[in-house]
Amino acid sequence: MNADKSRIFHNTRFNFNRFLAYKGDWYGYWVENINRWAPSTKLCSVCGYKNNDLTLNDRDWVCPDCGTTHDRDINAAINILRFARAGTALDKAGGVGVSLATSEQSALKPEAPIFR
């Protein structure tokens, strides 16, 4: 029974990612996946210090290296954007990337507007 649930979850996540990539291509946006275990909440978005003492209950924290006060969610959003930009084929290929929906090359601009 657990194997069936795991398979359903995997297929649902896969289809959702495909749907996002398809819609991103449709509207001219770039969709990038980042590592699920990337320490987005634990890294200081200013200096890069990794706060290993951070718990799930900590909503705000102060970086011991640079003294910046972080809201956990906003800091994570900034770091996720950086992880995605660092991992895109767009940055590495000068504005030409691989579409996740069709696996064809597309000339999507890295400065395309983000979803509102």
Protein backbone atom coordinates (compact mmCIF):
# COMPACT_ATOMS: atom_id res chain seq x y z
CA MET A 1 0.00 0.00 0.00
CA ASN A 2 2.79 2.46 0.86
CA ALA A 3 4.51 1.76 -2.46
CA ASP A 4 1.31 2.78 -4.27
CA LYS A 5 1.11 6.05 -2.31
CA SER A 6 4.75 6.77 -3.02
CA ARG A 7 4.25 6.12 -6.73
CA ILE A 8 1.18 8.38 -6.83
CA PHE A 9 3.06 11.17 -5.05
CA HIS A 10 6.01 10.86 -7.42
CA ASN A 11 3.77 10.94 -10.51
CA THR A 12 1.80 13.91 -9.19
CA ARG A 13 4.95 15.90 -8.47
CA PHE A 14 6.39 14.99 -11.89
CA ASN A 15 3.21 16.05 -13.69
CA PHE A 16 3.01 19.30 -11.71
CA ASN A 17 6.61 20.14 -12.67
CA ARG A 18 5.83 19.35 -16.32
CA PHE A 19 2.73 21.54 -16.16
CA LEU A 20 4.74 24.46 -14.70
CA ALA A 21 7.40 24.08 -17.38
CA TYR A 22 4.75 23.98 -20.11
CA LYS A 23 3.02 27.09 -18.78
CA GLY A 24 6.38 28.81 -18.37
CA ASP A 25 7.17 28.17 -22.03
CA TRP A 26 3.68 29.26 -23.04
CA TYR A 27 4.01 32.65 -21.32
CA GLY A 28 7.72 33.12 -22.00
CA TYR A 29 8.96 32.47 -18.46
CA TRP A 30 11.89 30.37 -17.35
CA VAL A 31 11.11 27.60 -14.86
CA GLU A 32 14.05 26.24 -12.89
CA ASN A 33 14.16 23.46 -10.29
CA ILE A 34 16.50 23.73 -7.33
CA ASN A 35 17.73 21.01 -5.02
CA ARG A 36 15.04 20.13 -2.52
CA TRP A 37 17.60 20.08 0.30
CA ALA A 38 19.24 23.42 -0.55
CA PRO A 39 19.66 25.34 2.74
CA SER A 40 17.57 28.30 1.57
CA THR A 41 16.41 29.36 5.05
CA LYS A 42 19.74 28.78 6.81
CA LEU A 43 21.96 30.85 4.51
CA CYS A 44 22.39 34.58 5.06
CA SER A 45 21.37 36.21 1.79
CA VAL A 46 23.85 39.05 2.42
CA CYS A 47 27.14 37.35 3.36
CA GLY A 48 26.47 33.61 2.83
CA TYR A 49 26.89 32.51 6.48
CA LYS A 50 25.16 29.17 7.16
CA ASN A 51 23.20 29.15 10.43
CA ASN A 52 23.04 25.47 11.40
CA ASP A 53 21.39 26.31 14.74
CA LEU A 54 18.19 27.56 13.07
CA THR A 55 15.06 25.58 13.98
CA LEU A 56 11.63 25.49 12.36
CA ASN A 57 10.25 27.68 15.17
CA ASP A 58 12.73 30.49 14.43
CA ARG A 59 10.90 32.98 12.20
CA ASP A 60 13.49 35.78 12.47
CA TRP A 61 17.23 35.50 12.98
CA VAL A 62 20.29 37.73 13.06
CA CYS A 63 23.39 36.72 11.10
CA PRO A 64 26.34 36.47 13.50
CA ASP A 65 28.80 37.41 10.73
CA CYS A 66 27.25 40.55 9.19
CA GLY A 67 24.52 41.43 11.74
CA THR A 68 21.67 41.45 9.20
CA THR A 69 18.22 40.63 10.62
CA HIS A 70 16.38 38.13 8.42
CA ASP A 71 12.74 37.16 8.14
CA ARG A 72 13.02 33.43 7.47
CA ASP A 73 10.59 33.36 4.51
CA ILE A 74 11.92 36.45 2.76
CA ASN A 75 15.51 35.28 3.22
CA ALA A 76 14.57 31.87 1.78
CA ALA A 77 12.89 33.49 -1.23
CA ILE A 78 16.01 35.55 -1.97
CA ASN A 79 18.23 32.48 -1.66
CA ILE A 80 15.94 30.32 -3.81
CA LEU A 81 16.07 32.94 -6.55
CA ARG A 82 19.88 32.94 -6.34
CA PHE A 83 20.07 29.12 -6.43
CA ALA A 84 17.81 29.04 -9.48
CA ARG A 85 19.75 31.75 -11.29
CA ALA A 86 23.05 30.04 -10.53
CA GLY A 87 21.77 26.75 -11.92
CA THR A 88 20.13 27.95 -15.12
CA ALA A 89 21.45 27.10 -18.50
CA LEU A 90 20.48 30.66 -19.41
CA ASP A 91 23.25 32.15 -17.31
CA LYS A 92 25.76 29.68 -18.68
CA ALA A 93 24.76 29.96 -22.34
CA GLY A 94 24.34 33.71 -22.60
CA GLY A 95 20.55 33.84 -22.83
CA VAL A 96 19.80 30.58 -24.66
CA GLY A 97 18.48 27.84 -22.42
CA VAL A 98 16.91 24.41 -22.56
CA SER A 99 13.16 24.37 -22.18
CA LEU A 100 12.06 22.00 -19.41
CA ALA A 101 8.73 21.31 -21.14
CA THR A 102 9.93 20.38 -24.61
CA SER A 103 13.69 19.76 -24.13
CA GLU A 104 14.29 21.97 -27.15
CA GLN A 105 16.44 25.08 -27.15
CA SER A 106 14.52 28.29 -26.68
CA ALA A 107 15.71 31.87 -26.67
CA LEU A 108 14.09 32.89 -23.41
CA LYS A 109 15.43 36.04 -21.86
CA PRO A 110 16.77 35.68 -18.31
CA GLU A 111 15.27 39.06 -17.42
CA ALA A 112 11.74 37.94 -18.33
CA PRO A 113 9.21 39.28 -15.80
CA ILE A 114 8.30 37.07 -12.88
CA PHE A 115 4.75 35.90 -12.16
CA ARG A 116 2.61 38.48 -10.41
